[in-house]
Amino acid sequence: MGVIWTKYQRVCATCRHWTGPRVFRWGSRDRVEVEPNAEGQCLLHRGWSRQRPSQSCPDWEPLDAFR
């Protein structure tokens, strides 16, 4: 079972620039589930590789599905 993040939490898992795997849950477009050991790249900061879903940065932007 993964970790649930809401659209109000400014972490990589809810950011539009993060490429890691995530799934929308509970028939709602305001929560995502991500495996705790998932990794993804940041499309905005291409030099940053293997970002964890719980990381964050000042350039966070919400997923398009959250808008």
PDB file of N, CA and C in Angstrom:
ATOM      1  N   MET A   1       0.847  -1.183   0.000  1.00  0.00           N
ATOM      2  CA  MET A   1       0.000   0.000   0.000  1.00  0.00           C
ATOM      3  C   MET A   1       0.887   1.238   0.000  1.00  0.00           C
ATOM      4  N   GLY A   2       0.457   2.229  -0.747  1.00  0.00           N
ATOM      5  CA  GLY A   2       1.249   3.436  -0.882  1.00  0.00           C
ATOM      6  C   GLY A   2       0.864   4.528   0.102  1.00  0.00           C
ATOM      7  N   VAL A   3       1.514   5.644  -0.059  1.00  0.00           N
ATOM      8  CA  VAL A   3       1.260   6.831   0.764  1.00  0.00           C
ATOM      9  C   VAL A   3       0.286   7.721   0.011  1.00  0.00           C
ATOM     10  N   ILE A   4      -0.683   8.273   0.712  1.00  0.00           N
ATOM     11  CA  ILE A   4      -1.681   9.158   0.103  1.00  0.00           C
ATOM     12  C   ILE A   4      -1.257  10.607   0.318  1.00  0.00           C
ATOM     13  N   TRP A   5      -1.254  11.369  -0.742  1.00  0.00           N
ATOM     14  CA  TRP A   5      -0.934  12.800  -0.691  1.00  0.00           C
ATOM     15  C   TRP A   5      -2.136  13.574  -1.228  1.00  0.00           C
ATOM     16  N   THR A   6      -2.475  14.677  -0.599  1.00  0.00           N
ATOM     17  CA  THR A   6      -3.579  15.506  -1.093  1.00  0.00           C
ATOM     18  C   THR A   6      -3.027  16.663  -1.914  1.00  0.00           C
ATOM     19  N   LYS A   7      -3.915  17.312  -2.628  1.00  0.00           N
ATOM     20  CA  LYS A   7      -3.493  18.418  -3.483  1.00  0.00           C
ATOM     21  C   LYS A   7      -2.974  19.610  -2.682  1.00  0.00           C
ATOM     22  N   TYR A   8      -3.175  19.604  -1.380  1.00  0.00           N
ATOM     23  CA  TYR A   8      -2.703  20.697  -0.535  1.00  0.00           C
ATOM     24  C   TYR A   8      -1.283  20.492  -0.018  1.00  0.00           C
ATOM     25  N   GLN A   9      -0.727  19.318  -0.259  1.00  0.00           N
ATOM     26  CA  GLN A   9       0.621  19.013   0.214  1.00  0.00           C
ATOM     27  C   GLN A   9       1.617  19.288  -0.910  1.00  0.00           C
ATOM     28  N   ARG A  10       2.535  20.190  -0.664  1.00  0.00           N
ATOM     29  CA  ARG A  10       3.489  20.632  -1.684  1.00  0.00           C
ATOM     30  C   ARG A  10       4.732  19.746  -1.696  1.00  0.00           C
ATOM     31  N   VAL A  11       4.553  18.563  -2.258  1.00  0.00           N
ATOM     32  CA  VAL A  11       5.637  17.591  -2.369  1.00  0.00           C
ATOM     33  C   VAL A  11       5.723  17.132  -3.819  1.00  0.00           C
ATOM     34  N   CYS A  12       6.805  16.458  -4.163  1.00  0.00           N
ATOM     35  CA  CYS A  12       6.993  15.992  -5.538  1.00  0.00           C
ATOM     36  C   CYS A  12       5.809  15.153  -6.034  1.00  0.00           C
ATOM     37  N   ALA A  13       5.235  14.334  -5.181  1.00  0.00           N
ATOM     38  CA  ALA A  13       4.135  13.460  -5.588  1.00  0.00           C
ATOM     39  C   ALA A  13       2.936  14.233  -6.139  1.00  0.00           C
ATOM     40  N   THR A  14       2.750  15.471  -5.721  1.00  0.00           N
ATOM     41  CA  THR A  14       1.608  16.269  -6.190  1.00  0.00           C
ATOM     42  C   THR A  14       2.018  17.378  -7.153  1.00  0.00           C
ATOM     43  N   CYS A  15       3.267  17.367  -7.575  1.00  0.00           N
ATOM     44  CA  CYS A  15       3.773  18.419  -8.457  1.00  0.00           C
ATOM     45  C   CYS A  15       3.665  18.008  -9.925  1.00  0.00           C
ATOM     46  N   ARG A  16       3.338  18.961 -10.769  1.00  0.00           N
ATOM     47  CA  ARG A  16       3.200  18.680 -12.201  1.00  0.00           C
ATOM     48  C   ARG A  16       4.529  18.364 -12.867  1.00  0.00           C
ATOM     49  N   HIS A  17       5.640  18.699 -12.267  1.00  0.00           N
ATOM     50  CA  HIS A  17       6.948  18.485 -12.878  1.00  0.00           C
ATOM     51  C   HIS A  17       7.559  17.117 -12.552  1.00  0.00           C
ATOM     52  N   TRP A  18       6.983  16.392 -11.596  1.00  0.00           N
ATOM     53  CA  TRP A  18       7.532  15.109 -11.180  1.00  0.00           C
ATOM     54  C   TRP A  18       7.027  13.998 -12.091  1.00  0.00           C
ATOM     55  N   THR A  19       7.931  13.118 -12.546  1.00  0.00           N
ATOM     56  CA  THR A  19       7.564  12.072 -13.500  1.00  0.00           C
ATOM     57  C   THR A  19       7.347  10.706 -12.869  1.00  0.00           C
ATOM     58  N   GLY A  20       7.400  10.609 -11.571  1.00  0.00           N
ATOM     59  CA  GLY A  20       7.255   9.314 -10.912  1.00  0.00           C
ATOM     60  C   GLY A  20       5.839   8.754 -11.017  1.00  0.00           C
ATOM     61  N   PRO A  21       5.695   7.453 -10.734  1.00  0.00           N
ATOM     62  CA  PRO A  21       4.378   6.805 -10.818  1.00  0.00           C
ATOM     63  C   PRO A  21       3.450   7.231  -9.680  1.00  0.00           C
ATOM     64  N   ARG A  22       2.213   7.496 -10.008  1.00  0.00           N
ATOM     65  CA  ARG A  22       1.188   7.873  -9.017  1.00  0.00           C
ATOM     66  C   ARG A  22      -0.179   7.508  -9.576  1.00  0.00           C
ATOM     67  N   VAL A  23      -1.129   7.286  -8.674  1.00  0.00           N
ATOM     68  CA  VAL A  23      -2.471   6.876  -9.057  1.00  0.00           C
ATOM     69  C   VAL A  23      -3.468   7.738  -8.296  1.00  0.00           C
ATOM     70  N   PHE A  24      -4.489   8.236  -8.985  1.00  0.00           N
ATOM     71  CA  PHE A  24      -5.551   8.983  -8.307  1.00  0.00           C
ATOM     72  C   PHE A  24      -6.445   8.001  -7.576  1.00  0.00           C
ATOM     73  N   ARG A  25      -6.892   8.349  -6.374  1.00  0.00           N
ATOM     74  CA  ARG A  25      -7.653   7.438  -5.530  1.00  0.00           C
ATOM     75  C   ARG A  25      -9.009   7.994  -5.108  1.00  0.00           C
ATOM     76  N   TRP A  26      -9.876   7.073  -4.679  1.00  0.00           N
ATOM     77  CA  TRP A  26     -11.201   7.350  -4.111  1.00  0.00           C
ATOM     78  C   TRP A  26     -12.119   8.103  -5.054  1.00  0.00           C
ATOM     79  N   GLY A  27     -11.955   7.920  -6.348  1.00  0.00           N
ATOM     80  CA  GLY A  27     -12.836   8.575  -7.306  1.00  0.00           C
ATOM     81  C   GLY A  27     -12.743  10.081  -7.254  1.00  0.00           C
ATOM     82  N   SER A  28     -11.709  10.570  -6.642  1.00  0.00           N
ATOM     83  CA  SER A  28     -11.537  12.005  -6.464  1.00  0.00           C
ATOM     84  C   SER A  28     -10.270  12.451  -7.169  1.00  0.00           C
ATOM     85  N   ARG A  29     -10.279  13.651  -7.671  1.00  0.00           N
ATOM     86  CA  ARG A  29      -9.108  14.177  -8.340  1.00  0.00           C
ATOM     87  C   ARG A  29      -8.282  15.055  -7.403  1.00  0.00           C
ATOM     88  N   ASP A  30      -8.436  14.878  -6.089  1.00  0.00           N
ATOM     89  CA  ASP A  30      -7.658  15.713  -5.175  1.00  0.00           C
ATOM     90  C   ASP A  30      -6.692  14.912  -4.312  1.00  0.00           C
ATOM     91  N   ARG A  31      -6.499  13.608  -4.636  1.00  0.00           N
ATOM     92  CA  ARG A  31      -5.572  12.767  -3.879  1.00  0.00           C
ATOM     93  C   ARG A  31      -4.844  11.825  -4.826  1.00  0.00           C
ATOM     94  N   VAL A  32      -3.582  11.596  -4.521  1.00  0.00           N
ATOM     95  CA  VAL A  32      -2.809  10.618  -5.281  1.00  0.00           C
ATOM     96  C   VAL A  32      -2.172   9.625  -4.318  1.00  0.00           C
ATOM     97  N   GLU A  33      -1.990   8.421  -4.803  1.00  0.00           N
ATOM     98  CA  GLU A  33      -1.300   7.399  -4.021  1.00  0.00           C
ATOM     99  C   GLU A  33       0.020   7.100  -4.720  1.00  0.00           C
ATOM    100  N   VAL A  34       1.075   7.040  -3.928  1.00  0.00           N
ATOM    101  CA  VAL A  34       2.405   6.808  -4.457  1.00  0.00           C
ATOM    102  C   VAL A  34       3.111   5.804  -3.546  1.00  0.00           C
ATOM    103  N   GLU A  35       3.793   4.857  -4.151  1.00  0.00           N
ATOM    104  CA  GLU A  35       4.582   3.914  -3.359  1.00  0.00           C
ATOM    105  C   GLU A  35       5.711   4.680  -2.675  1.00  0.00           C
ATOM    106  N   PRO A  36       5.984   4.408  -1.416  1.00  0.00           N
ATOM    107  CA  PRO A  36       6.979   5.184  -0.674  1.00  0.00           C
ATOM    108  C   PRO A  36       8.390   5.107  -1.258  1.00  0.00           C
ATOM    109  N   ASN A  37       8.708   4.041  -1.959  1.00  0.00           N
ATOM    110  CA  ASN A  37      10.047   3.918  -2.545  1.00  0.00           C
ATOM    111  C   ASN A  37      10.090   4.335  -4.011  1.00  0.00           C
ATOM    112  N   ALA A  38       9.018   4.939  -4.501  1.00  0.00           N
ATOM    113  CA  ALA A  38       8.969   5.389  -5.898  1.00  0.00           C
ATOM    114  C   ALA A  38      10.000   6.491  -6.141  1.00  0.00           C
ATOM    115  N   GLU A  39      10.464   6.558  -7.367  1.00  0.00           N
ATOM    116  CA  GLU A  39      11.396   7.614  -7.755  1.00  0.00           C
ATOM    117  C   GLU A  39      10.949   8.178  -9.091  1.00  0.00           C
ATOM    118  N   GLY A  40      11.250   9.431  -9.315  1.00  0.00           N
ATOM    119  CA  GLY A  40      10.941  10.072 -10.582  1.00  0.00           C
ATOM    120  C   GLY A  40      11.893  11.224 -10.805  1.00  0.00           C
ATOM    121  N   GLN A  41      11.865  11.749 -12.000  1.00  0.00           N
ATOM    122  CA  GLN A  41      12.700  12.906 -12.296  1.00  0.00           C
ATOM    123  C   GLN A  41      11.854  14.163 -12.283  1.00  0.00           C
ATOM    124  N   CYS A  42      12.515  15.279 -12.043  1.00  0.00           N
ATOM    125  CA  CYS A  42      11.861  16.578 -12.095  1.00  0.00           C
ATOM    126  C   CYS A  42      12.087  17.152 -13.491  1.00  0.00           C
ATOM    127  N   LEU A  43      11.008  17.417 -14.213  1.00  0.00           N
ATOM    128  CA  LEU A  43      11.135  17.957 -15.560  1.00  0.00           C
ATOM    129  C   LEU A  43      11.605  19.408 -15.555  1.00  0.00           C
ATOM    130  N   LEU A  44      11.364  20.103 -14.477  1.00  0.00           N
ATOM    131  CA  LEU A  44      11.782  21.493 -14.373  1.00  0.00           C
ATOM    132  C   LEU A  44      13.266  21.598 -14.050  1.00  0.00           C
ATOM    133  N   HIS A  45      13.725  20.747 -13.182  1.00  0.00           N
ATOM    134  CA  HIS A  45      15.131  20.725 -12.763  1.00  0.00           C
ATOM    135  C   HIS A  45      15.754  19.433 -13.277  1.00  0.00           C
ATOM    136  N   ARG A  46      16.029  19.383 -14.549  1.00  0.00           N
ATOM    137  CA  ARG A  46      16.481  18.142 -15.196  1.00  0.00           C
ATOM    138  C   ARG A  46      17.750  17.563 -14.582  1.00  0.00           C
ATOM    139  N   GLY A  47      18.545  18.365 -13.923  1.00  0.00           N
ATOM    140  CA  GLY A  47      19.744  17.853 -13.280  1.00  0.00           C
ATOM    141  C   GLY A  47      19.440  17.047 -12.030  1.00  0.00           C
ATOM    142  N   TRP A  48      18.215  17.179 -11.521  1.00  0.00           N
ATOM    143  CA  TRP A  48      17.828  16.444 -10.322  1.00  0.00           C
ATOM    144  C   TRP A  48      17.299  15.087 -10.755  1.00  0.00           C
ATOM    145  N   SER A  49      17.965  14.038 -10.385  1.00  0.00           N
ATOM    146  CA  SER A  49      17.470  12.724 -10.770  1.00  0.00           C
ATOM    147  C   SER A  49      17.038  11.947  -9.529  1.00  0.00           C
ATOM    148  N   ARG A  50      16.165  11.015  -9.752  1.00  0.00           N
ATOM    149  CA  ARG A  50      15.673  10.117  -8.698  1.00  0.00           C
ATOM    150  C   ARG A  50      15.097  10.869  -7.502  1.00  0.00           C
ATOM    151  N   GLN A  51      14.161  11.734  -7.764  1.00  0.00           N
ATOM    152  CA  GLN A  51      13.468  12.460  -6.700  1.00  0.00           C
ATOM    153  C   GLN A  51      12.466  11.540  -6.020  1.00  0.00           C
ATOM    154  N   ARG A  52      12.416  11.578  -4.719  1.00  0.00           N
ATOM    155  CA  ARG A  52      11.437  10.822  -3.935  1.00  0.00           C
ATOM    156  C   ARG A  52      10.124  11.601  -3.889  1.00  0.00           C
ATOM    157  N   PRO A  53       8.992  10.915  -3.728  1.00  0.00           N
ATOM    158  CA  PRO A  53       7.698  11.599  -3.720  1.00  0.00           C
ATOM    159  C   PRO A  53       7.515  12.579  -2.568  1.00  0.00           C
ATOM    160  N   SER A  54       8.241  12.402  -1.470  1.00  0.00           N
ATOM    161  CA  SER A  54       8.067  13.275  -0.309  1.00  0.00           C
ATOM    162  C   SER A  54       8.941  14.524  -0.355  1.00  0.00           C
ATOM    163  N   GLN A  55       9.796  14.639  -1.357  1.00  0.00           N
ATOM    164  CA  GLN A  55      10.651  15.820  -1.458  1.00  0.00           C
ATOM    165  C   GLN A  55       9.851  16.999  -1.991  1.00  0.00           C
ATOM    166  N   SER A  56      10.391  18.184  -1.788  1.00  0.00           N
ATOM    167  CA  SER A  56       9.725  19.378  -2.299  1.00  0.00           C
ATOM    168  C   SER A  56      10.768  20.424  -2.669  1.00  0.00           C
ATOM    169  N   CYS A  57      10.303  21.471  -3.347  1.00  0.00           N
ATOM    170  CA  CYS A  57      11.186  22.571  -3.712  1.00  0.00           C
ATOM    171  C   CYS A  57      10.337  23.833  -3.878  1.00  0.00           C
ATOM    172  N   PRO A  58      10.952  24.993  -3.981  1.00  0.00           N
ATOM    173  CA  PRO A  58      10.185  26.238  -4.091  1.00  0.00           C
ATOM    174  C   PRO A  58       9.471  26.407  -5.431  1.00  0.00           C
ATOM    175  N   ASP A  59       9.764  25.560  -6.419  1.00  0.00           N
ATOM    176  CA  ASP A  59       9.130  25.675  -7.734  1.00  0.00           C
ATOM    177  C   ASP A  59       7.945  24.742  -7.910  1.00  0.00           C
ATOM    178  N   TRP A  60       7.420  24.212  -6.824  1.00  0.00           N
ATOM    179  CA  TRP A  60       6.275  23.290  -6.871  1.00  0.00           C
ATOM    180  C   TRP A  60       5.095  23.930  -7.587  1.00  0.00           C
ATOM    181  N   GLU A  61       4.439  23.152  -8.438  1.00  0.00           N
ATOM    182  CA  GLU A  61       3.191  23.562  -9.096  1.00  0.00           C
ATOM    183  C   GLU A  61       2.231  22.384  -9.013  1.00  0.00           C
ATOM    184  N   PRO A  62       0.932  22.633  -8.785  1.00  0.00           N
ATOM    185  CA  PRO A  62      -0.008  21.523  -8.647  1.00  0.00           C
ATOM    186  C   PRO A  62      -0.186  20.762  -9.949  1.00  0.00           C
ATOM    187  N   LEU A  63      -0.510  19.484  -9.834  1.00  0.00           N
ATOM    188  CA  LEU A  63      -0.845  18.697 -11.007  1.00  0.00           C
ATOM    189  C   LEU A  63      -1.988  19.361 -11.760  1.00  0.00           C
ATOM    190  N   ASP A  64      -2.004  19.228 -13.069  1.00  0.00           N
ATOM    191  CA  ASP A  64      -3.093  19.808 -13.859  1.00  0.00           C
ATOM    192  C   ASP A  64      -4.460  19.273 -13.443  1.00  0.00           C
ATOM    193  N   ALA A  65      -4.492  18.013 -13.005  1.00  0.00           N
ATOM    194  CA  ALA A  65      -5.750  17.414 -12.575  1.00  0.00           C
ATOM    195  C   ALA A  65      -6.308  18.076 -11.315  1.00  0.00           C
ATOM    196  N   PHE A  66      -5.466  18.742 -10.553  1.00  0.00           N
ATOM    197  CA  PHE A  66      -5.900  19.413  -9.330  1.00  0.00           C
ATOM    198  C   PHE A  66      -6.479  20.802  -9.584  1.00  0.00           C
ATOM    199  N   ARG A  67      -6.300  21.313 -10.763  1.00  0.00           N
ATOM    200  CA  ARG A  67      -6.736  22.691 -11.035  1.00  0.00           C
ATOM    201  C   ARG A  67      -8.203  22.769 -11.333  1.00  0.00           C
TER     202      ARG A  67
END
